[in-house]
N, C-alpha and C. Protein backbone atom coordinates (compact mmCIF):
# COMPACT_ATOMS: atom_id res chain seq x y z
N MET A 1 0.66 -1.29 0.11
CA MET A 1 -0.12 0.20 -0.16
C MET A 1 0.14 1.30 -0.10
N LYS A 2 0.46 2.29 -0.84
CA LYS A 2 1.37 3.04 -0.87
C LYS A 2 0.33 4.38 -0.08
N ARG A 3 1.41 4.87 0.45
CA ARG A 3 1.31 6.38 1.76
C ARG A 3 1.95 8.01 1.22
N ALA A 4 0.91 8.31 1.48
CA ALA A 4 2.10 10.20 1.28
C ALA A 4 0.84 11.01 1.89
N ALA A 5 1.89 12.29 1.56
CA ALA A 5 1.06 12.93 2.18
C ALA A 5 0.10 13.40 1.17
N ALA A 6 -1.33 14.49 1.38
CA ALA A 6 -1.86 14.81 -0.24
C ALA A 6 -0.71 16.37 0.31
N ASP A 7 -1.27 16.50 -1.47
CA ASP A 7 -0.72 17.58 -1.84
C ASP A 7 -1.97 18.69 -1.99
N ILE A 8 -2.09 19.64 -1.26
CA ILE A 8 -3.09 20.76 -1.52
C ILE A 8 -2.36 22.04 -2.40
N ILE A 9 -3.45 21.74 -3.61
CA ILE A 9 -2.75 23.41 -4.75
C ILE A 9 -3.39 23.96 -4.14
N ARG A 10 -4.69 23.84 -4.05
CA ARG A 10 -5.09 25.53 -3.72
C ARG A 10 -6.56 25.28 -3.08
N GLU A 11 -6.58 26.31 -1.89
CA GLU A 11 -7.76 26.02 -0.48
C GLU A 11 -8.96 27.44 -2.10
N TYR A 12 -10.32 26.95 -1.91
CA TYR A 12 -11.10 28.26 -2.53
C TYR A 12 -12.24 28.49 -0.99
N GLY A 13 -12.24 29.71 -1.15
CA GLY A 13 -13.56 29.98 0.32
C GLY A 13 -12.41 30.32 1.07
N PRO A 14 -12.43 31.12 2.36
CA PRO A 14 -14.80 30.96 2.77
C PRO A 14 -14.99 31.78 1.76
N PHE A 15 -16.94 31.47 1.43
CA PHE A 15 -17.65 32.20 0.66
C PHE A 15 -18.14 32.96 1.69
N PRO A 16 -19.10 33.71 0.85
CA PRO A 16 -20.11 34.85 2.09
C PRO A 16 -21.58 33.62 2.36
N ASP A 17 -21.55 33.99 2.93
CA ASP A 17 -23.04 33.24 3.54
C ASP A 17 -23.08 31.37 3.33
N VAL A 18 -21.46 31.29 3.19
CA VAL A 18 -21.13 29.25 3.76
C VAL A 18 -20.51 29.21 4.83
N THR A 19 -21.29 28.23 5.92
CA THR A 19 -21.11 27.89 7.02
C THR A 19 -20.32 26.93 6.98
N ASP A 20 -20.57 25.62 5.64
CA ASP A 20 -20.36 24.50 5.76
C ASP A 20 -20.30 24.03 4.00
N VAL A 21 -19.44 23.73 3.90
CA VAL A 21 -19.73 22.27 2.40
C VAL A 21 -19.36 21.48 3.30
N ALA A 22 -20.84 20.85 1.71
CA ALA A 22 -20.97 19.00 2.00
C ALA A 22 -20.64 18.66 0.66
N GLY A 23 -21.24 18.11 0.15
CA GLY A 23 -21.53 17.42 -1.02
C GLY A 23 -20.14 17.84 -2.44
N VAL A 24 -19.66 17.30 -2.96
CA VAL A 24 -18.53 18.25 -4.33
C VAL A 24 -18.87 17.51 -5.60
N THR A 25 -19.41 18.08 -6.72
CA THR A 25 -18.83 17.53 -7.86
C THR A 25 -18.41 18.55 -8.97
N PHE A 26 -18.34 17.65 -10.24
CA PHE A 26 -17.86 18.62 -10.92
C PHE A 26 -18.51 18.08 -12.27
N ASP A 27 -18.84 19.40 -13.04
CA ASP A 27 -19.47 18.75 -14.51
C ASP A 27 -18.54 19.05 -15.89
N GLY A 28 -17.43 19.54 -15.49
CA GLY A 28 -16.77 19.12 -16.35
C GLY A 28 -16.34 20.82 -16.74
N ASN A 29 -16.98 21.81 -16.24
CA ASN A 29 -16.58 23.48 -15.84
C ASN A 29 -16.60 23.58 -14.47
N SER A 30 -17.45 23.74 -14.08
CA SER A 30 -18.08 23.97 -12.60
C SER A 30 -17.81 23.41 -11.76
N VAL A 31 -17.13 23.37 -10.19
CA VAL A 31 -17.26 22.72 -8.87
C VAL A 31 -18.85 23.48 -8.11
N TRP A 32 -19.46 22.25 -8.66
CA TRP A 32 -20.71 21.95 -8.09
C TRP A 32 -20.40 21.56 -6.13
N PHE A 33 -20.71 22.61 -5.10
CA PHE A 33 -20.61 22.32 -3.47
C PHE A 33 -22.01 22.37 -2.90
N ALA A 34 -22.55 21.58 -2.17
CA ALA A 34 -23.52 21.71 -1.10
C ALA A 34 -23.54 22.67 0.22
N THR A 35 -24.20 23.53 0.20
CA THR A 35 -24.27 24.74 1.62
C THR A 35 -25.00 23.61 2.39
N GLY A 36 -25.52 22.76 2.21
CA GLY A 36 -27.10 23.40 3.35
C GLY A 36 -27.93 23.86 2.54
N ALA A 37 -28.37 25.04 2.59
CA ALA A 37 -29.68 25.39 1.44
C ALA A 37 -29.72 25.51 0.23
N THR A 38 -28.58 25.51 -0.07
CA THR A 38 -27.91 25.83 -2.07
C THR A 38 -27.47 24.87 -2.35
N LEU A 39 -26.93 25.16 -3.77
CA LEU A 39 -25.88 24.20 -3.66
C LEU A 39 -25.58 25.80 -5.05
N LYS A 40 -24.00 24.89 -5.28
CA LYS A 40 -23.76 26.17 -5.73
C LYS A 40 -22.37 25.47 -6.86
N ALA A 41 -21.98 27.15 -7.75
CA ALA A 41 -21.61 26.26 -8.67
C ALA A 41 -20.21 27.14 -8.93
N LEU A 42 -19.09 26.76 -8.69
CA LEU A 42 -17.65 27.60 -9.09
C LEU A 42 -16.58 27.03 -10.26
N ASP A 43 -16.09 28.12 -10.28
CA ASP A 43 -15.26 27.90 -11.71
C ASP A 43 -14.02 28.38 -10.76
N PRO A 44 -13.34 26.73 -11.14
CA PRO A 44 -12.54 26.09 -10.56
C PRO A 44 -10.90 26.99 -11.07
N GLU A 45 -11.20 27.52 -12.14
CA GLU A 45 -10.00 28.17 -12.29
C GLU A 45 -9.83 30.06 -12.18
N SER A 46 -10.68 30.45 -11.46
CA SER A 46 -10.73 31.93 -11.23
C SER A 46 -11.23 31.83 -9.71
N GLY A 47 -11.84 31.00 -8.96
CA GLY A 47 -12.18 30.83 -7.81
C GLY A 47 -13.28 31.30 -7.62
N ASP A 48 -14.20 32.23 -9.13
CA ASP A 48 -15.89 32.59 -8.28
C ASP A 48 -16.76 31.52 -8.48
N ILE A 49 -17.52 32.55 -7.67
CA ILE A 49 -19.03 31.45 -7.35
C ILE A 49 -19.61 31.91 -8.84
N GLN A 50 -20.15 30.93 -9.76
CA GLN A 50 -20.68 31.47 -11.45
C GLN A 50 -22.52 31.72 -10.94
N ARG A 51 -23.33 30.18 -10.07
CA ARG A 51 -24.70 30.47 -10.37
C ARG A 51 -25.06 29.85 -8.43
N THR A 52 -26.40 30.49 -8.36
CA THR A 52 -26.42 29.16 -7.42
C THR A 52 -27.94 28.61 -6.68
N LEU A 53 -28.50 26.99 -6.49
CA LEU A 53 -29.53 26.53 -6.54
C LEU A 53 -30.58 26.82 -5.66
N ASP A 54 -31.10 27.43 -5.28
CA ASP A 54 -31.97 27.22 -3.91
C ASP A 54 -32.80 25.60 -3.67
N VAL A 55 -31.44 25.07 -3.97
CA VAL A 55 -32.31 23.76 -3.37
C VAL A 55 -31.49 23.30 -1.90
N ALA A 56 -32.48 22.69 -1.00
CA ALA A 56 -31.95 21.44 0.16
C ALA A 56 -30.60 20.91 -0.75
N ALA A 57 -29.64 21.16 -0.23
CA ALA A 57 -28.33 20.44 -0.19
C ALA A 57 -27.65 20.10 1.39
N GLN A 58 -27.74 19.14 1.83
CA GLN A 58 -27.57 18.25 3.56
C GLN A 58 -25.97 18.15 2.79
N ALA A 59 -25.75 17.16 1.94
CA ALA A 59 -25.07 15.75 2.08
C ALA A 59 -23.68 15.75 0.92
N GLY A 60 -23.88 14.54 0.29
CA GLY A 60 -23.31 14.43 -1.17
C GLY A 60 -24.49 14.74 -2.21
N THR A 61 -23.44 15.04 -3.11
CA THR A 61 -23.56 15.57 -4.58
C THR A 61 -22.78 14.37 -5.81
N ALA A 62 -23.46 14.82 -7.25
CA ALA A 62 -23.82 13.92 -7.76
C ALA A 62 -23.73 14.59 -9.15
N TYR A 63 -23.30 13.84 -10.45
CA TYR A 63 -23.45 14.27 -11.52
C TYR A 63 -22.68 13.34 -12.71
N ASP A 64 -24.48 13.79 -13.82
CA ASP A 64 -23.98 12.27 -14.16
C ASP A 64 -24.07 12.31 -15.92
N GLY A 65 -24.14 13.22 -16.51
CA GLY A 65 -23.49 14.29 -17.63
C GLY A 65 -24.79 14.98 -17.58
N ARG A 66 -26.09 14.68 -16.99
CA ARG A 66 -26.97 15.33 -17.43
C ARG A 66 -28.13 16.37 -16.66
N HIS A 67 -27.37 15.73 -15.37
CA HIS A 67 -28.04 15.73 -14.02
C HIS A 67 -27.54 16.24 -12.55
N LEU A 68 -27.75 17.23 -11.61
CA LEU A 68 -27.32 16.95 -10.72
C LEU A 68 -28.40 15.50 -9.67
N PHE A 69 -27.60 15.20 -8.75
CA PHE A 69 -27.91 14.32 -8.08
C PHE A 69 -27.67 14.91 -6.41
N GLN A 70 -28.31 15.02 -5.25
CA GLN A 70 -28.05 15.73 -4.31
C GLN A 70 -28.81 14.70 -3.58
N ILE A 71 -28.07 14.66 -2.03
CA ILE A 71 -28.98 13.34 -0.65
C ILE A 71 -29.15 15.23 0.38
N THR A 72 -29.69 14.73 0.63
CA THR A 72 -31.04 15.62 1.61
C THR A 72 -32.19 14.86 2.90
N ASP A 73 -31.26 14.38 3.45
CA ASP A 73 -32.40 13.71 4.72
C ASP A 73 -32.10 12.19 3.95
N ALA A 74 -32.82 11.48 3.67
CA ALA A 74 -33.24 10.16 3.64
C ALA A 74 -33.48 10.17 1.80
N THR A 75 -33.16 11.10 1.71
CA THR A 75 -33.40 11.13 0.06
C THR A 75 -32.05 11.20 -1.41
N ILE A 76 -32.41 10.86 -2.33
CA ILE A 76 -31.54 11.40 -3.08
C ILE A 76 -32.43 12.30 -4.70
N ARG A 77 -32.68 13.66 -4.06
CA ARG A 77 -33.18 14.32 -5.49
C ARG A 77 -32.22 14.03 -6.28
N LYS A 78 -32.43 13.89 -7.90
CA LYS A 78 -32.44 14.44 -9.06
C LYS A 78 -32.85 15.43 -9.57
N ILE A 79 -31.67 16.47 -10.22
CA ILE A 79 -31.88 17.73 -9.75
C ILE A 79 -31.64 18.37 -11.36
N ASP A 80 -32.30 19.50 -11.91
CA ASP A 80 -31.54 20.06 -13.43
C ASP A 80 -31.60 20.91 -13.06
N PRO A 81 -29.82 20.97 -13.34
CA PRO A 81 -29.26 21.81 -13.00
C PRO A 81 -29.59 23.29 -13.52
N GLY A 82 -30.24 23.78 -15.17
CA GLY A 82 -30.33 25.15 -15.29
C GLY A 82 -31.16 25.46 -14.88
N ASN A 83 -32.16 25.03 -14.20
CA ASN A 83 -33.49 25.80 -12.98
C ASN A 83 -33.59 24.83 -11.25
N GLY A 84 -33.22 24.61 -11.16
CA GLY A 84 -33.01 23.82 -10.08
C GLY A 84 -34.36 22.84 -9.47
N GLU A 85 -35.02 22.56 -10.86
CA GLU A 85 -36.19 21.33 -10.68
C GLU A 85 -35.31 20.29 -10.12
N VAL A 86 -36.03 19.56 -8.94
CA VAL A 86 -36.36 18.13 -8.95
C VAL A 86 -37.35 17.40 -10.01
N ILE A 87 -36.56 16.34 -10.17
CA ILE A 87 -37.01 15.80 -11.61
C ILE A 87 -37.54 14.18 -10.85
N ALA A 88 -36.98 13.95 -9.88
CA ALA A 88 -37.40 12.59 -9.57
C ALA A 88 -36.84 12.43 -7.87
N THR A 89 -36.96 11.38 -7.28
CA THR A 89 -36.31 11.04 -5.99
C THR A 89 -35.98 9.66 -5.50
N ILE A 90 -35.33 8.83 -5.04
CA ILE A 90 -35.06 7.78 -4.65
C ILE A 90 -34.94 7.82 -3.51
N PRO A 91 -35.19 6.24 -2.42
CA PRO A 91 -34.69 6.84 -1.32
C PRO A 91 -32.95 6.36 -0.99
N VAL A 92 -32.87 7.19 0.23
CA VAL A 92 -30.75 6.87 0.55
C VAL A 92 -30.53 5.17 1.03
N PRO A 93 -30.15 4.34 0.93
CA PRO A 93 -29.87 3.11 1.53
C PRO A 93 -29.47 3.43 2.68
N GLY A 94 -29.70 2.75 3.83
CA GLY A 94 -29.19 2.76 5.36
C GLY A 94 -30.15 4.39 6.15
N GLY A 95 -31.52 4.69 4.78
CA GLY A 95 -31.60 6.22 5.87
C GLY A 95 -30.87 7.60 5.41
N ASN A 96 -31.16 8.37 6.76
CA ASN A 96 -29.81 9.71 6.73
C ASN A 96 -29.13 9.34 6.97
N GLU A 97 -28.13 8.81 6.79
CA GLU A 97 -27.13 8.42 7.49
C GLU A 97 -26.01 8.64 6.13
N ALA A 98 -26.76 8.91 4.91
CA ALA A 98 -25.21 9.20 3.73
C ALA A 98 -24.60 10.30 4.08
N SER A 99 -23.50 9.93 3.22
CA SER A 99 -22.78 11.46 3.17
C SER A 99 -22.02 12.19 2.04
N GLY A 100 -21.14 10.62 1.64
CA GLY A 100 -20.73 10.42 0.28
C GLY A 100 -21.60 10.18 -0.87
N LEU A 101 -21.49 10.59 -2.52
CA LEU A 101 -22.24 10.57 -3.35
C LEU A 101 -21.30 10.83 -4.80
N ALA A 102 -21.55 9.85 -5.40
CA ALA A 102 -20.82 9.87 -6.91
C ALA A 102 -21.41 9.26 -7.82
N TRP A 103 -21.41 9.62 -9.28
CA TRP A 103 -21.62 8.85 -10.22
C TRP A 103 -20.83 7.88 -10.94
N ALA A 104 -21.15 6.54 -11.53
CA ALA A 104 -19.82 5.74 -12.45
C ALA A 104 -21.24 4.68 -12.88
N GLU A 105 -20.50 4.41 -14.32
CA GLU A 105 -20.41 3.01 -14.55
C GLU A 105 -22.23 3.31 -14.58
N GLY A 106 -22.68 4.32 -14.97
CA GLY A 106 -24.45 4.18 -15.00
C GLY A 106 -24.82 4.03 -13.60
N SER A 107 -23.72 3.82 -12.49
CA SER A 107 -24.86 4.13 -10.88
C SER A 107 -24.40 5.58 -9.94
N LEU A 108 -25.01 5.73 -9.53
CA LEU A 108 -24.40 5.82 -8.17
C LEU A 108 -24.24 5.64 -6.86
N TRP A 109 -23.11 5.59 -5.89
CA TRP A 109 -22.32 5.02 -5.40
C TRP A 109 -22.51 6.12 -3.76
N VAL A 110 -23.35 5.54 -3.13
CA VAL A 110 -23.16 6.17 -2.03
C VAL A 110 -22.49 6.07 -0.32
N GLY A 111 -22.10 6.83 0.10
CA GLY A 111 -21.28 6.68 1.59
C GLY A 111 -22.04 7.22 2.46
N GLN A 112 -21.36 6.16 3.39
CA GLN A 112 -22.61 5.97 4.28
C GLN A 112 -21.03 6.41 5.85
N TYR A 113 -21.67 7.31 6.47
CA TYR A 113 -20.53 8.07 7.26
C TYR A 113 -20.52 6.88 8.66
N ARG A 114 -21.66 6.83 9.51
CA ARG A 114 -20.94 5.79 10.85
C ARG A 114 -20.88 4.54 10.23
N SER A 115 -21.82 3.75 8.85
CA SER A 115 -21.74 2.24 8.97
C SER A 115 -20.58 2.45 8.60
N ARG A 116 -19.87 3.29 7.80
CA ARG A 116 -18.15 2.69 7.16
C ARG A 116 -18.52 2.10 5.90
N LYS A 117 -19.52 2.19 5.02
CA LYS A 117 -19.92 2.06 3.88
C LYS A 117 -20.14 2.93 1.94
N ILE A 118 -19.80 1.52 1.18
CA ILE A 118 -19.89 2.11 0.26
C ILE A 118 -21.19 1.24 -0.40
N HIS A 119 -22.31 2.49 -0.81
CA HIS A 119 -23.30 1.63 -1.66
C HIS A 119 -23.58 1.49 -2.86
N GLN A 120 -23.27 0.73 -3.99
CA GLN A 120 -23.76 1.57 -5.50
C GLN A 120 -25.31 1.07 -5.20
N VAL A 121 -26.26 1.91 -5.97
CA VAL A 121 -27.14 2.13 -5.46
C VAL A 121 -27.80 2.24 -6.98
N ASP A 122 -28.92 2.01 -7.34
CA ASP A 122 -29.53 1.85 -9.24
C ASP A 122 -30.11 3.50 -9.19
N PRO A 123 -30.04 4.15 -10.03
CA PRO A 123 -30.32 5.43 -10.08
C PRO A 123 -31.68 5.68 -10.42
N GLU A 124 -32.41 4.73 -10.86
CA GLU A 124 -33.75 4.72 -11.48
C GLU A 124 -34.77 4.23 -10.11
N THR A 125 -34.44 3.03 -9.42
CA THR A 125 -35.39 2.63 -8.50
C THR A 125 -34.75 2.69 -6.66
N GLY A 126 -33.27 3.30 -7.01
CA GLY A 126 -32.83 3.17 -5.74
C GLY A 126 -32.60 1.95 -4.85
N LYS A 127 -32.73 1.24 -6.53
CA LYS A 127 -32.18 -0.46 -5.54
C LYS A 127 -30.61 -0.57 -4.92
N LEU A 128 -30.49 -0.80 -4.14
CA LEU A 128 -29.36 -1.46 -3.18
C LEU A 128 -28.60 -2.94 -4.06
N LEU A 129 -27.09 -2.42 -4.74
CA LEU A 129 -27.01 -3.79 -5.58
C LEU A 129 -25.61 -4.18 -5.05
N ARG A 130 -24.92 -3.54 -4.61
CA ARG A 130 -23.83 -4.45 -3.80
C ARG A 130 -23.50 -2.67 -2.52
N THR A 131 -22.65 -3.56 -1.33
CA THR A 131 -22.22 -2.81 -0.62
C THR A 131 -20.36 -2.67 -0.98
N ILE A 132 -19.41 -2.34 -0.02
CA ILE A 132 -17.86 -2.27 -0.05
C ILE A 132 -17.87 -1.46 1.37
N GLU A 133 -17.07 -2.49 1.83
CA GLU A 133 -17.10 -2.11 4.10
C GLU A 133 -15.72 -1.25 3.43
N SER A 134 -15.54 -0.41 4.66
CA SER A 134 -14.18 0.77 5.36
C SER A 134 -14.13 0.27 6.82
N ASP A 135 -13.19 0.75 6.75
CA ASP A 135 -12.62 0.23 8.39
C ASP A 135 -12.67 1.98 8.96
N ARG A 136 -13.12 2.37 8.26
CA ARG A 136 -13.04 4.06 8.78
C ARG A 136 -14.21 5.12 8.48
N PHE A 137 -14.65 5.86 9.33
CA PHE A 137 -15.33 7.22 8.63
C PHE A 137 -15.64 7.35 7.01
N VAL A 138 -16.60 6.50 6.19
CA VAL A 138 -16.64 7.01 5.04
C VAL A 138 -17.50 8.71 4.78
N THR A 139 -16.52 9.66 3.81
CA THR A 139 -17.20 10.61 3.37
C THR A 139 -17.58 11.02 2.49
N GLY A 140 -16.92 11.61 1.21
CA GLY A 140 -16.98 11.54 -0.43
C GLY A 140 -16.88 10.71 -0.62
N VAL A 141 -17.17 10.13 -2.20
CA VAL A 141 -16.73 9.19 -3.02
C VAL A 141 -16.88 9.67 -4.02
N THR A 142 -15.49 9.29 -5.48
CA THR A 142 -15.78 9.64 -6.60
C THR A 142 -14.68 8.29 -7.54
N TRP A 143 -15.07 8.45 -8.70
CA TRP A 143 -14.82 7.76 -9.45
C TRP A 143 -13.37 8.41 -10.21
N VAL A 144 -12.56 7.81 -10.97
CA VAL A 144 -11.11 8.53 -12.27
C VAL A 144 -10.62 7.44 -12.79
N ASP A 145 -10.89 7.23 -13.70
CA ASP A 145 -10.56 6.02 -14.77
C ASP A 145 -10.49 5.25 -14.19
N GLY A 146 -11.30 4.50 -13.50
CA GLY A 146 -11.42 3.61 -12.81
C GLY A 146 -11.16 3.04 -11.33
N GLU A 147 -10.82 4.23 -11.37
CA GLU A 147 -10.52 4.29 -9.86
C GLU A 147 -11.48 4.20 -8.52
N LEU A 148 -11.70 3.57 -7.36
CA LEU A 148 -12.91 4.14 -6.34
C LEU A 148 -11.68 4.67 -5.03
N TRP A 149 -12.18 5.75 -5.46
CA TRP A 149 -11.38 6.66 -3.76
C TRP A 149 -12.64 7.61 -3.06
N HIS A 150 -12.45 7.54 -2.04
CA HIS A 150 -12.78 8.10 -1.03
C HIS A 150 -12.45 8.42 0.08
N GLY A 151 -13.49 9.72 0.91
CA GLY A 151 -13.05 10.48 2.24
C GLY A 151 -12.98 10.11 3.16
N ILE A 152 -12.62 9.94 3.99
CA ILE A 152 -12.48 9.77 5.42
C ILE A 152 -12.24 10.28 6.65
N TRP A 153 -13.23 10.45 7.41
CA TRP A 153 -12.94 11.70 8.86
C TRP A 153 -13.13 11.52 10.06
N ASP A 154 -12.93 11.30 10.84
CA ASP A 154 -12.97 10.30 11.92
C ASP A 154 -11.67 11.20 13.42
N ASP A 155 -11.97 10.91 14.72
CA ASP A 155 -11.22 11.65 15.19
C ASP A 155 -9.47 10.98 15.01
N ASP A 156 -9.31 10.44 14.51
CA ASP A 156 -7.73 9.81 13.91
C ASP A 156 -7.02 10.58 12.56
N GLY A 157 -8.29 11.99 11.89
CA GLY A 157 -7.69 12.66 11.14
C GLY A 157 -8.36 12.33 9.58
N SER A 158 -8.08 13.16 8.98
CA SER A 158 -8.65 12.72 7.96
C SER A 158 -8.16 12.31 6.24
N GLU A 159 -8.50 11.38 5.46
CA GLU A 159 -7.42 11.29 4.77
C GLU A 159 -8.29 10.87 3.38
N LEU A 160 -7.55 10.70 1.94
CA LEU A 160 -8.18 10.17 0.65
C LEU A 160 -7.86 8.85 0.62
N ARG A 161 -8.73 8.08 0.45
CA ARG A 161 -8.32 6.62 -0.27
C ARG A 161 -8.69 6.19 -1.38
N HIS A 162 -7.35 5.19 -2.29
CA HIS A 162 -7.96 4.66 -3.31
C HIS A 162 -8.11 3.41 -2.96
N ILE A 163 -9.61 2.67 -2.91
CA ILE A 163 -9.44 1.34 -2.94
C ILE A 163 -9.68 0.16 -4.10
N ASP A 164 -9.96 -0.64 -3.55
CA ASP A 164 -10.38 -2.16 -5.21
C ASP A 164 -11.06 -2.46 -4.64
N ALA A 165 -12.40 -1.59 -5.84
CA ALA A 165 -13.66 -1.22 -5.62
C ALA A 165 -14.58 -3.45 -5.36
N GLU A 166 -13.61 -4.11 -5.41
CA GLU A 166 -14.46 -5.38 -5.35
C GLU A 166 -13.90 -6.17 -4.19
N THR A 167 -13.12 -5.44 -3.63
CA THR A 167 -12.80 -6.26 -2.02
C THR A 167 -12.41 -4.80 -1.05
N GLY A 168 -12.57 -4.12 -1.38
CA GLY A 168 -12.28 -2.87 -0.32
C GLY A 168 -11.07 -2.53 0.55
N ASP A 169 -10.20 -3.19 0.47
CA ASP A 169 -8.35 -3.13 0.50
C ASP A 169 -8.00 -1.96 -0.02
N VAL A 170 -7.75 -1.39 0.88
CA VAL A 170 -6.79 -0.24 0.52
C VAL A 170 -5.64 -0.23 -0.43
N LEU A 171 -5.44 0.50 -1.77
CA LEU A 171 -4.07 0.29 -1.94
C LEU A 171 -3.16 1.49 -2.11
N GLU A 172 -4.33 2.95 -1.41
CA GLU A 172 -2.87 4.37 -1.60
C GLU A 172 -3.82 4.66 -0.29
N ARG A 173 -3.47 6.07 0.46
CA ARG A 173 -3.72 7.10 1.36
C ARG A 173 -3.09 8.15 1.20
N LEU A 174 -3.90 9.29 0.82
CA LEU A 174 -3.35 10.66 1.34
C LEU A 174 -3.72 12.00 2.20
N ASP A 175 -2.34 11.27 3.43
CA ASP A 175 -2.89 12.07 4.40
C ASP A 175 -3.13 13.40 4.35
N MET A 176 -4.52 13.95 4.64
CA MET A 176 -4.53 15.84 5.15
C MET A 176 -3.65 16.27 6.16
N PRO A 177 -3.43 17.76 6.36
CA PRO A 177 -2.69 17.76 7.35
C PRO A 177 -4.14 17.62 8.48
N GLU A 178 -3.13 18.26 9.52
CA GLU A 178 -4.05 17.90 10.92
C GLU A 178 -5.07 18.65 10.97
N GLY A 179 -6.30 18.55 11.14
CA GLY A 179 -6.78 19.45 11.74
C GLY A 179 -7.59 20.05 10.46
N THR A 180 -7.56 19.49 8.83
CA THR A 180 -7.92 19.40 7.40
C THR A 180 -8.93 18.72 7.24
N GLY A 181 -10.31 18.73 7.76
CA GLY A 181 -10.97 17.17 7.54
C GLY A 181 -11.97 17.53 5.95
N ILE A 182 -12.06 15.97 5.31
CA ILE A 182 -12.81 16.02 4.22
C ILE A 182 -14.40 15.71 4.14
N SER A 183 -15.24 16.42 3.57
CA SER A 183 -16.34 16.47 3.70
C SER A 183 -17.31 16.01 2.21
N GLY A 184 -17.44 16.42 1.30
CA GLY A 184 -17.32 16.00 -0.09
C GLY A 184 -15.90 16.07 -0.76
N LEU A 185 -16.33 15.18 -1.68
CA LEU A 185 -15.19 15.02 -2.77
C LEU A 185 -15.73 14.96 -4.24
N GLU A 186 -14.93 15.34 -5.15
CA GLU A 186 -14.67 14.78 -6.34
C GLU A 186 -13.27 15.23 -7.14
N SER A 187 -13.26 14.06 -8.48
CA SER A 187 -12.10 14.15 -9.64
C SER A 187 -12.68 15.21 -10.60
N ASP A 188 -11.68 16.04 -10.63
CA ASP A 188 -12.43 16.52 -12.41
C ASP A 188 -11.42 15.75 -13.91
N GLY A 189 -11.38 14.49 -13.17
CA GLY A 189 -10.84 13.74 -14.59
C GLY A 189 -9.81 13.34 -14.37
N ARG A 190 -8.82 14.37 -14.25
CA ARG A 190 -7.75 13.95 -15.11
C ARG A 190 -7.00 14.21 -13.51
N ASP A 191 -6.46 15.26 -13.11
CA ASP A 191 -5.34 15.80 -11.87
C ASP A 191 -5.66 16.33 -10.65
N ARG A 192 -6.67 16.41 -10.72
CA ARG A 192 -7.46 16.89 -9.25
C ARG A 192 -8.61 16.06 -8.63
N PHE A 193 -8.19 16.36 -7.44
CA PHE A 193 -9.46 15.93 -6.51
C PHE A 193 -9.96 17.45 -5.88
N PHE A 194 -11.44 17.68 -5.81
CA PHE A 194 -11.89 18.78 -4.84
C PHE A 194 -12.29 17.87 -3.46
N CYS A 195 -12.41 18.57 -2.59
CA CYS A 195 -12.12 18.19 -1.71
C CYS A 195 -13.14 19.18 -0.25
N GLY A 196 -14.35 19.00 -0.77
CA GLY A 196 -15.00 19.77 0.41
C GLY A 196 -14.20 19.58 1.66
N GLY A 197 -14.80 20.94 2.86
CA GLY A 197 -13.59 21.30 4.12
C GLY A 197 -14.86 21.36 5.05
N GLY A 198 -16.27 20.67 5.13
CA GLY A 198 -16.79 21.21 6.48
C GLY A 198 -17.53 22.43 6.58
N ARG A 199 -17.16 22.29 8.16
CA ARG A 199 -17.48 23.44 9.16
C ARG A 199 -16.68 24.96 8.11
N SER A 200 -15.15 24.33 7.85
CA SER A 200 -14.32 25.45 7.52
C SER A 200 -14.81 26.39 6.43
N GLY A 201 -15.99 26.05 5.81
CA GLY A 201 -16.60 26.23 4.80
C GLY A 201 -15.68 26.87 3.68
N LYS A 202 -14.20 25.98 3.63
CA LYS A 202 -13.34 25.99 2.32
C LYS A 202 -13.81 24.74 0.65
N LEU A 203 -13.56 24.77 0.27
CA LEU A 203 -13.20 23.68 -0.91
C LEU A 203 -11.59 22.95 -1.04
N ARG A 204 -11.02 22.42 -0.95
CA ARG A 204 -9.59 22.43 -1.81
C ARG A 204 -9.16 21.41 -2.24
N ALA A 205 -8.54 21.41 -3.35
CA ALA A 205 -7.47 20.98 -5.07
C ALA A 205 -6.85 20.08 -4.07
N VAL A 206 -6.68 18.64 -4.87
CA VAL A 206 -5.78 17.97 -3.88
C VAL A 206 -5.10 17.51 -4.94
N ARG A 207 -3.67 17.43 -5.13
CA ARG A 207 -3.61 17.02 -6.34
C ARG A 207 -3.64 15.34 -6.57
N ARG A 208 -3.88 14.65 -7.36
CA ARG A 208 -3.54 13.28 -8.12
C ARG A 208 -2.83 12.64 -7.94
N PRO A 209 -2.19 11.70 -7.41
CA PRO A 209 -0.57 10.40 -7.59
C PRO A 209 -1.31 10.43 -8.82
N GLN A 210 0.08 10.21 -9.67
CA GLN A 210 0.26 9.86 -10.68
C GLN A 210 1.67 8.37 -11.00
């Protein structure tokens, strides 16, 4: 197993009227992040907020190429990013304990914080397809180039983990600096991870190992 310190290459925020950053996703141009009462779109190059959608956004966020998906309470909402309209809803496996959310391979991947699990879920029906176990509290989840990564955040600190999607074995670990947590997590599909910073109100870009 590889282990290294996370290379934080940029911090964004804190932002006006944002006290908590939860879920994070990337649509190819903008980084969307959940702030509790809104979803905000950030230009990762300028650091400017481009848009705000007035939708409840309490935990994980994902993007399937057309729609946003947002965890709120025990529900995953499918959202039109153009106007914020909720198109459909499915239940969250395990109720309102969900944390991270990602889209990959035609499925939603749901992190469960205290249960230390990642669930693969059918995005149309909410059916649970399979579960991967972890030994730490799971926060954000993302896929990049066939690799499954997730964030952890508990009393022992915070890190990014690359895991085997079949067995759950940890293949690589990136340790975040002391006092720096990870809430949401998303890859830009290339060389950056975007990490929500929880109650710091910040987003951080972390270099993806090559």
